[in-house]
Amino acid sequence: MESRYFAFSAIAAVLVFGVLASVMSVKSAYAADDLWYVGEGAKQDTYVKYRIQEYDTNNDAPFDMTIYFKGKDDRGAWIAPTFVEYQGNVYNGTLRLGDNLAALGGGSQVPDDMRPFVGAYGRSLQWLEAFTSVSAPLSLKAGSWGKIAAIGGEELKPQGQQKVTVPAGTFDTTVVGWHKGVDNKIWIENEFPFPIKAETFVEVASGKPPIQFKFDLLATGTGQPPVPKSVEEIPQPPLRQSTARGTYDVTLSWNPVEIQPNGNTTFTVDFADNNGQKLERVNYDFTVTEKGGKVIYDKKNAFTGESSTGVQTVKMGNGGPVSISIVLHSVSGVNTGAFTEEADFGVVVVPEFPVSAAIIAAIAVAFIVAMTRFKGIGIGGMFGGRNSAL
């Protein structure tokens, strides 16, 4: 009887320990599944495409970036052909990315025009790597991810689950964020290499804060993505930009809307603060520069008078892109201080006779000549005139 009791006790103990071990194993697996870091879930032969805004890049103007995880090299780094689309232009290069998807210096092949966008990538899509990394991933259910020294020690922490819809689809995400004047949020899907979406703001003492970084997932899939094509984009007025610190808003309009080469264009500049209040007595510089770097107009210390609007008439050069720089020096007699308050715009002068139109015209003429020879009639005869064989 006693031996049976001990046998039963031993079996019960084994079962209890087995159940406890199973529970602990499940809990351990569940906890591990809550962990996330930048780069988690990156797979060979997949791609992501994002629309990104970043405070220090092109005055917060958005651009599209496509990253293709082609494969890894012999040192374990990702070889990632990358495309950037900005204002109709396409820049392409190859990034070499670490496990944390940071761009590595050695091995990356990036043209100079693309480098500012790669920098913006590191300050936006890859920003969270400073908190949660491959070597020390954090849980999406943790109470805190740490404090952000750059914005006064605000706490970055998971804030619960939320479905979010972006152009790439609808995702079950965890919101990670902080509050400093306004809500700053980053939406993360577990086991996806980058956040799905983000919207964060610059810390300002007053007024409406500008975007620090913002992005949305546009597309993701398997296989090599198609290479985007450059398209000619002609900006239409009005254009609006914030100055670098987000203190002022500058709106640029022009007439005629289609800027003609070697003709006069009247530019109207309107100034407001970051709350939308019109400014008065603004002292500013207005500079127009062609693509090759030639300055064709440089007005120093222009003045709006008692209104918020300034007007400049510029004789434009030949066709092509033109940059316009507007620098504020003082508002209502008060100097803007040590910081440069500048807004930059890009416009396009329409060519007198575009190359594409010339090609089409040449093809049309060649076709007409061929047809007249084939039929044995002159060009004049085709248009109702007297036949004159070529």
Protein backbone atom coordinates (compact mmCIF):
# COMPACT_ATOMS: atom_id res chain seq x y z
CA MET A 1 0.00 0.00 0.00
CA GLU A 2 2.78 2.35 0.98
CA SER A 3 4.67 1.60 -2.22
CA ARG A 4 1.56 2.39 -4.23
CA TYR A 5 1.25 5.72 -2.42
CA PHE A 6 4.84 6.65 -3.21
CA ALA A 7 4.39 5.55 -6.81
CA PHE A 8 1.26 7.69 -7.13
CA SER A 9 3.04 10.65 -5.52
CA ALA A 10 5.97 10.29 -7.87
CA ILE A 11 3.70 10.17 -10.92
CA ALA A 12 1.74 13.20 -9.67
CA ALA A 13 4.96 15.13 -9.09
CA VAL A 14 6.16 14.34 -12.59
CA LEU A 15 2.84 15.49 -14.05
CA VAL A 16 2.85 18.70 -12.00
CA PHE A 17 6.40 19.53 -12.99
CA GLY A 18 5.56 18.70 -16.59
CA VAL A 19 2.57 21.05 -16.58
CA LEU A 20 4.61 23.80 -14.91
CA ALA A 21 7.39 23.34 -17.44
CA SER A 22 4.88 23.56 -20.29
CA VAL A 23 3.31 26.71 -18.86
CA MET A 24 6.72 28.31 -18.36
CA SER A 25 7.69 27.34 -21.89
CA VAL A 26 4.51 28.88 -23.30
CA LYS A 27 5.05 32.04 -21.26
CA SER A 28 8.65 32.24 -22.41
CA ALA A 29 7.65 31.82 -26.05
CA TYR A 30 4.86 34.37 -25.65
CA ALA A 31 7.23 36.88 -24.05
CA ALA A 32 9.78 36.37 -26.81
CA ASP A 33 7.06 37.03 -29.39
CA ASP A 34 6.44 40.44 -27.78
CA LEU A 35 10.00 41.52 -28.47
CA TRP A 36 10.65 43.83 -31.41
CA TYR A 37 13.67 45.61 -32.83
CA VAL A 38 14.47 47.49 -36.04
CA GLY A 39 15.28 44.84 -38.63
CA GLU A 40 13.17 42.04 -37.14
CA GLY A 41 11.53 39.98 -39.86
CA ALA A 42 13.64 41.31 -42.74
CA LYS A 43 13.69 38.57 -45.38
CA GLN A 44 15.64 38.01 -48.54
CA ASP A 45 13.93 38.93 -51.82
CA THR A 46 11.40 41.26 -50.19
CA TYR A 47 10.98 45.02 -50.42
CA VAL A 48 9.36 47.95 -48.64
CA LYS A 49 8.38 51.35 -49.99
CA TYR A 50 7.77 54.36 -47.74
CA ARG A 51 6.81 58.01 -48.09
CA ILE A 52 9.04 59.94 -45.70
CA GLN A 53 9.22 63.49 -44.35
CA GLU A 54 12.18 64.51 -42.21
CA TYR A 55 12.81 67.90 -40.64
CA ASP A 56 16.40 68.36 -41.84
CA THR A 57 15.80 67.15 -45.41
CA ASN A 58 14.44 69.39 -48.19
CA ASN A 59 12.50 71.61 -45.78
CA ASP A 60 10.37 68.68 -44.64
CA ALA A 61 9.21 67.97 -48.22
CA PRO A 62 8.13 64.32 -48.66
CA PHE A 63 9.99 61.77 -50.76
CA ASP A 64 9.48 58.07 -51.55
CA MET A 65 12.09 55.44 -50.73
CA THR A 66 12.08 51.79 -51.88
CA ILE A 67 14.46 49.30 -50.23
CA TYR A 68 14.95 45.81 -51.68
CA PHE A 69 16.52 43.17 -49.42
CA LYS A 70 18.34 41.37 -52.22
CA GLY A 71 20.50 39.15 -50.02
CA LYS A 72 23.42 39.14 -47.58
CA ASP A 73 27.13 39.35 -48.28
CA ASP A 74 29.79 37.07 -46.79
CA ARG A 75 29.92 39.26 -43.66
CA GLY A 76 26.20 39.06 -43.02
CA ALA A 77 25.29 42.57 -44.17
CA TRP A 78 22.22 43.16 -46.30
CA ILE A 79 22.83 44.20 -49.90
CA ALA A 80 19.89 46.49 -50.57
CA PRO A 81 19.31 48.22 -53.93
CA THR A 82 17.46 51.42 -53.04
CA PHE A 83 15.48 53.98 -55.03
CA VAL A 84 14.48 57.49 -54.00
CA GLU A 85 11.76 59.44 -55.82
CA TYR A 86 11.64 63.19 -55.24
CA GLN A 87 9.90 65.86 -57.31
CA GLY A 88 9.91 63.71 -60.43
CA ASN A 89 13.57 62.73 -60.12
CA VAL A 90 14.76 59.19 -59.35
CA TYR A 91 18.02 58.50 -57.51
CA ASN A 92 19.24 54.93 -57.16
CA GLY A 93 22.09 53.26 -55.36
CA THR A 94 22.93 50.22 -53.28
CA LEU A 95 22.95 50.34 -49.49
CA ARG A 96 24.86 47.93 -47.30
CA LEU A 97 22.79 47.50 -44.14
CA GLY A 98 23.63 45.93 -40.79
CA ASP A 99 21.32 43.62 -38.85
CA ASN A 100 19.83 46.75 -37.30
CA LEU A 101 19.33 48.09 -40.86
CA ALA A 102 21.75 50.96 -40.26
CA ALA A 103 23.48 52.09 -43.45
CA LEU A 104 27.09 50.91 -43.29
CA GLY A 105 29.79 53.13 -44.75
CA GLY A 106 31.90 50.45 -46.41
CA GLY A 107 30.28 48.85 -49.42
CA SER A 108 27.36 51.24 -49.90
CA GLN A 109 27.27 52.74 -53.38
CA VAL A 110 25.24 55.93 -53.27
CA PRO A 111 25.47 58.97 -55.57
CA ASP A 112 25.98 62.35 -53.90
CA ASP A 113 22.46 63.53 -54.79
CA MET A 114 21.03 60.58 -52.85
CA ARG A 115 23.04 61.01 -49.63
CA PRO A 116 20.69 63.52 -47.94
CA PHE A 117 17.85 61.03 -48.32
CA VAL A 118 19.94 58.22 -46.81
CA GLY A 119 20.60 60.51 -43.85
CA ALA A 120 16.87 61.13 -43.51
CA TYR A 121 16.31 57.36 -43.54
CA GLY A 122 18.58 56.99 -40.50
CA ARG A 123 16.74 59.79 -38.67
CA SER A 124 13.27 58.40 -39.36
CA LEU A 125 12.70 54.76 -40.33
CA GLN A 126 15.71 53.59 -38.35
CA TRP A 127 15.41 56.02 -35.42
CA LEU A 128 14.01 53.53 -32.89
CA GLU A 129 17.17 51.43 -33.10
CA ALA A 130 18.62 53.74 -30.44
CA PHE A 131 16.10 52.21 -28.00
CA THR A 132 15.46 48.64 -29.13
CA SER A 133 18.20 46.74 -30.95
CA VAL A 134 19.09 43.25 -32.14
CA SER A 135 21.30 42.73 -29.10
CA ALA A 136 18.77 44.16 -26.61
CA PRO A 137 15.22 43.99 -28.02
CA LEU A 138 12.35 45.44 -25.99
CA SER A 139 8.84 44.15 -25.41
CA LEU A 140 5.87 45.78 -27.10
CA LYS A 141 4.13 45.37 -23.73
CA ALA A 142 6.87 46.94 -21.63
CA GLY A 143 5.98 49.80 -19.30
CA SER A 144 8.71 52.02 -20.74
CA TRP A 145 11.35 52.01 -23.46
CA GLY A 146 13.42 54.76 -21.88
CA LYS A 147 13.66 58.53 -21.93
CA ILE A 148 14.48 60.85 -24.82
CA ALA A 149 17.23 63.19 -23.65
CA ALA A 150 16.90 65.44 -26.71
CA ILE A 151 13.37 66.51 -25.75
CA GLY A 152 13.72 67.06 -22.03
CA GLY A 153 13.64 63.46 -20.86
CA GLU A 154 10.17 62.57 -22.12
CA GLU A 155 9.36 58.89 -21.74
CA LEU A 156 8.99 56.68 -24.80
CA LYS A 157 6.63 53.79 -24.12
CA PRO A 158 4.13 51.37 -25.68
CA GLN A 159 0.59 52.78 -25.52
CA GLY A 160 -1.57 49.85 -26.56
CA GLN A 161 -2.72 48.11 -29.71
CA GLN A 162 -4.39 49.79 -32.68
CA LYS A 163 -5.37 48.90 -36.23
CA VAL A 164 -3.83 51.36 -38.66
CA THR A 165 -4.52 51.78 -42.37
CA VAL A 166 -1.83 53.03 -44.75
CA PRO A 167 -1.54 52.76 -48.55
CA ALA A 168 0.04 49.30 -48.16
CA GLY A 169 -2.99 47.96 -46.25
CA THR A 170 -4.39 47.58 -42.74
CA PHE A 171 -2.12 46.31 -39.96
CA ASP A 172 -2.50 45.24 -36.32
CA THR A 173 0.04 47.42 -34.56
CA THR A 174 1.28 48.56 -31.19
CA VAL A 175 1.52 52.32 -30.74
CA VAL A 176 4.79 53.50 -29.21
CA GLY A 177 5.06 57.18 -28.43
CA TRP A 178 5.47 60.13 -26.11
CA HIS A 179 3.79 63.44 -25.37
CA LYS A 180 5.59 66.77 -25.47
CA GLY A 181 3.08 69.50 -26.22
CA VAL A 182 1.48 67.18 -28.80
CA ASP A 183 1.16 63.41 -29.19
CA ASN A 184 4.04 61.74 -31.03
CA LYS A 185 3.22 58.25 -32.29
CA ILE A 186 4.95 55.35 -34.04
CA TRP A 187 2.91 52.33 -35.16
CA ILE A 188 4.77 48.98 -35.02
CA GLU A 189 3.72 45.58 -36.33
CA ASN A 190 5.56 42.76 -34.62
CA GLU A 191 8.02 40.87 -36.84
CA PHE A 192 8.06 43.59 -39.51
CA PRO A 193 11.47 45.23 -40.03
CA PHE A 194 10.38 48.89 -39.83
CA PRO A 195 7.46 50.65 -38.17
CA ILE A 196 4.37 50.84 -40.37
CA LYS A 197 3.73 54.52 -39.75
CA ALA A 198 5.06 57.43 -37.70
CA GLU A 199 4.15 61.02 -36.92
CA THR A 200 6.47 62.99 -34.65
CA PHE A 201 7.02 66.71 -34.11
CA VAL A 202 9.76 69.19 -33.31
CA GLU A 203 9.72 70.55 -29.77
CA VAL A 204 8.83 74.27 -29.89
CA ALA A 205 8.20 76.83 -27.16
CA SER A 206 5.01 78.10 -28.79
CA GLY A 207 2.95 77.84 -31.95
CA LYS A 208 2.33 74.90 -34.22
CA PRO A 209 5.26 72.44 -34.19
CA PRO A 210 6.64 71.31 -37.56
CA ILE A 211 7.09 67.64 -38.46
CA GLN A 212 10.24 66.04 -37.01
CA PHE A 213 9.72 62.89 -39.02
CA LYS A 214 6.70 61.27 -40.58
CA PHE A 215 6.34 58.20 -42.76
CA ASP A 216 3.80 55.74 -44.16
CA LEU A 217 4.29 52.30 -45.66
CA LEU A 218 3.22 52.58 -49.30
CA ALA A 219 3.89 49.01 -50.44
CA THR A 220 5.62 45.78 -49.49
CA GLY A 221 6.03 42.48 -51.29
CA THR A 222 8.32 39.75 -52.59
CA GLY A 223 10.56 39.85 -55.62
CA GLN A 224 12.56 42.73 -57.03
CA PRO A 225 10.40 45.85 -57.29
CA PRO A 226 10.19 47.71 -60.62
CA VAL A 227 12.65 50.56 -61.05
CA PRO A 228 10.70 53.85 -60.91
CA LYS A 229 10.97 56.21 -63.87
CA SER A 230 11.74 59.90 -63.75
CA VAL A 231 8.84 62.11 -64.72
CA GLU A 232 8.81 65.83 -65.37
CA GLU A 233 6.92 67.56 -62.58
CA ILE A 234 6.13 71.23 -62.99
CA PRO A 235 5.15 72.77 -59.64
CA GLN A 236 1.95 74.78 -59.59
CA PRO A 237 1.40 77.84 -57.40
CA PRO A 238 0.95 78.50 -54.58
CA LEU A 239 3.82 76.68 -52.87
CA ARG A 240 4.20 76.78 -49.10
CA GLN A 241 7.25 76.10 -46.93
CA SER A 242 8.12 76.54 -43.28
CA THR A 243 11.47 78.03 -42.36
CA ALA A 244 14.03 75.62 -40.94
CA ARG A 245 13.03 76.11 -37.29
CA GLY A 246 9.32 76.14 -38.09
CA THR A 247 8.99 79.74 -36.87
CA TYR A 248 7.54 81.22 -40.06
CA ASP A 249 5.45 80.06 -43.02
CA VAL A 250 6.29 81.39 -46.48
CA THR A 251 3.91 81.11 -49.44
CA LEU A 252 5.16 81.67 -53.00
CA SER A 253 2.92 82.40 -56.01
CA TRP A 254 3.78 83.58 -59.52
CA ASN A 255 2.31 84.90 -62.74
CA PRO A 256 2.16 83.68 -65.44
CA VAL A 257 1.57 80.22 -63.98
CA GLU A 258 3.53 78.68 -66.88
CA ILE A 259 6.91 80.35 -66.47
CA GLN A 260 8.25 81.32 -69.89
CA PRO A 261 11.95 81.35 -70.81
CA ASN A 262 13.61 84.74 -71.22
CA GLY A 263 10.42 86.45 -70.08
CA ASN A 264 9.37 88.36 -66.97
CA THR A 265 7.70 86.48 -64.12
CA THR A 266 6.12 88.24 -61.15
CA PHE A 267 6.62 86.40 -57.87
CA THR A 268 4.46 87.16 -54.83
CA VAL A 269 5.72 86.18 -51.38
CA ASP A 270 3.41 86.06 -48.38
CA PHE A 271 4.70 85.76 -44.80
CA ALA A 272 2.94 84.37 -41.70
CA ASP A 273 3.97 82.96 -38.34
CA ASN A 274 3.52 79.28 -37.51
CA ASN A 275 0.02 80.00 -36.18
CA GLY A 276 -1.05 81.44 -39.53
CA GLN A 277 -1.03 85.07 -38.37
CA LYS A 278 0.04 87.48 -41.12
CA LEU A 279 3.32 89.31 -40.55
CA GLU A 280 4.13 92.95 -41.28
CA ARG A 281 7.28 94.88 -42.15
CA VAL A 282 9.29 91.85 -43.17
CA ASN A 283 12.86 92.40 -44.32
CA TYR A 284 14.06 89.56 -46.57
CA ASP A 285 16.41 88.43 -49.36
CA PHE A 286 15.06 86.91 -52.59
CA THR A 287 17.51 84.88 -54.72
CA VAL A 288 16.86 82.96 -57.96
CA THR A 289 19.42 80.39 -59.12
CA GLU A 290 19.46 78.24 -62.26
CA LYS A 291 20.31 74.54 -62.17
CA GLY A 292 23.95 75.09 -63.11
CA GLY A 293 24.43 77.42 -60.13
CA LYS A 294 24.14 80.71 -62.01
CA VAL A 295 22.37 83.39 -59.95
CA ILE A 296 20.01 85.29 -62.25
CA TYR A 297 18.37 87.49 -59.59
CA ASP A 298 19.54 88.50 -56.13
CA LYS A 299 17.49 91.08 -54.26
CA LYS A 300 18.90 91.96 -50.84
CA ASN A 301 16.93 93.57 -48.01
CA ALA A 302 13.57 93.60 -49.77
CA PHE A 303 10.77 95.02 -47.61
CA THR A 304 7.05 94.27 -47.45
CA GLY A 305 6.10 97.58 -45.85
CA GLU A 306 2.97 97.50 -43.71
CA SER A 307 1.64 94.35 -45.39
CA SER A 308 2.59 90.67 -45.26
CA THR A 309 3.29 90.49 -48.99
CA GLY A 310 6.34 91.20 -51.11
CA VAL A 311 6.53 91.27 -54.92
CA GLN A 312 9.57 90.58 -57.13
CA THR A 313 9.68 90.67 -60.93
CA VAL A 314 12.37 88.46 -62.43
CA LYS A 315 13.53 88.00 -66.01
CA MET A 316 13.94 84.24 -66.26
CA GLY A 317 16.63 82.40 -68.19
CA ASN A 318 16.38 79.37 -70.45
CA GLY A 319 14.14 76.41 -69.74
CA GLY A 320 14.73 74.08 -66.82
CA PRO A 321 14.54 73.85 -63.02
CA VAL A 322 15.17 76.96 -60.94
CA SER A 323 15.63 77.31 -57.17
CA ILE A 324 14.31 80.27 -55.19
CA SER A 325 15.71 81.08 -51.77
CA ILE A 326 13.91 83.44 -49.38
CA VAL A 327 15.74 84.47 -46.19
CA LEU A 328 14.00 86.49 -43.45
CA HIS A 329 16.13 89.00 -41.53
CA SER A 330 13.61 90.88 -39.41
CA VAL A 331 9.88 91.11 -38.69
CA SER A 332 8.29 94.35 -37.48
CA GLY A 333 11.74 95.71 -36.73
CA VAL A 334 12.80 92.71 -34.62
CA ASN A 335 15.82 90.75 -35.88
CA THR A 336 15.27 87.02 -36.40
CA GLY A 337 18.36 86.25 -34.30
CA ALA A 338 21.33 83.96 -34.80
CA PHE A 339 19.35 81.29 -36.64
CA THR A 340 18.82 81.52 -40.41
CA GLU A 341 15.11 81.65 -41.17
CA GLU A 342 15.05 80.43 -44.77
CA ALA A 343 12.56 78.79 -47.12
CA ASP A 344 13.62 77.22 -50.43
CA PHE A 345 11.40 76.51 -53.42
CA GLY A 346 11.82 74.75 -56.75
CA VAL A 347 10.07 75.95 -59.91
CA VAL A 348 10.43 75.05 -63.58
CA VAL A 349 10.85 77.32 -66.58
CA VAL A 350 9.02 75.73 -69.51
CA PRO A 351 11.37 75.17 -72.49
CA GLU A 352 10.61 77.22 -75.61
CA PHE A 353 10.42 74.08 -77.73
CA PRO A 354 10.78 70.88 -75.69
CA VAL A 355 13.07 68.18 -77.04
CA SER A 356 10.19 65.70 -76.98
CA ALA A 357 8.12 68.01 -79.18
CA ALA A 358 11.03 68.38 -81.59
CA ILE A 359 11.38 64.61 -81.87
CA ILE A 360 7.66 64.18 -82.51
CA ALA A 361 7.73 66.91 -85.16
CA ALA A 362 10.74 65.32 -86.87
CA ILE A 363 9.02 61.92 -86.94
CA ALA A 364 5.87 63.49 -88.39
CA VAL A 365 7.82 65.24 -91.15
CA ALA A 366 9.73 62.06 -91.96
CA PHE A 367 6.46 60.13 -92.16
CA ILE A 368 4.93 62.68 -94.53
CA VAL A 369 8.02 62.64 -96.76
CA ALA A 370 7.97 58.84 -96.87
CA MET A 371 4.28 58.77 -97.77
CA THR A 372 4.65 61.31 -100.56
CA ARG A 373 7.50 59.36 -102.11
CA PHE A 374 5.57 56.12 -101.81
CA LYS A 375 2.51 57.58 -103.52
CA GLY A 376 4.45 59.73 -105.96
CA ILE A 377 2.88 63.01 -104.90
CA GLY A 378 4.38 66.20 -103.55
CA ILE A 379 3.93 67.64 -100.12
CA GLY A 380 2.01 70.54 -101.59
CA GLY A 381 -0.49 68.11 -103.10
CA MET A 382 -1.14 66.50 -99.75
CA PHE A 383 -2.25 69.84 -98.35
CA GLY A 384 -4.24 71.02 -101.34
CA GLY A 385 -1.42 72.91 -103.08
CA ARG A 386 0.34 72.32 -106.36
CA ASN A 387 2.16 69.00 -106.65
CA SER A 388 5.90 69.32 -106.56
CA ALA A 389 7.70 66.01 -106.55
CA LEU A 390 10.61 65.76 -104.15
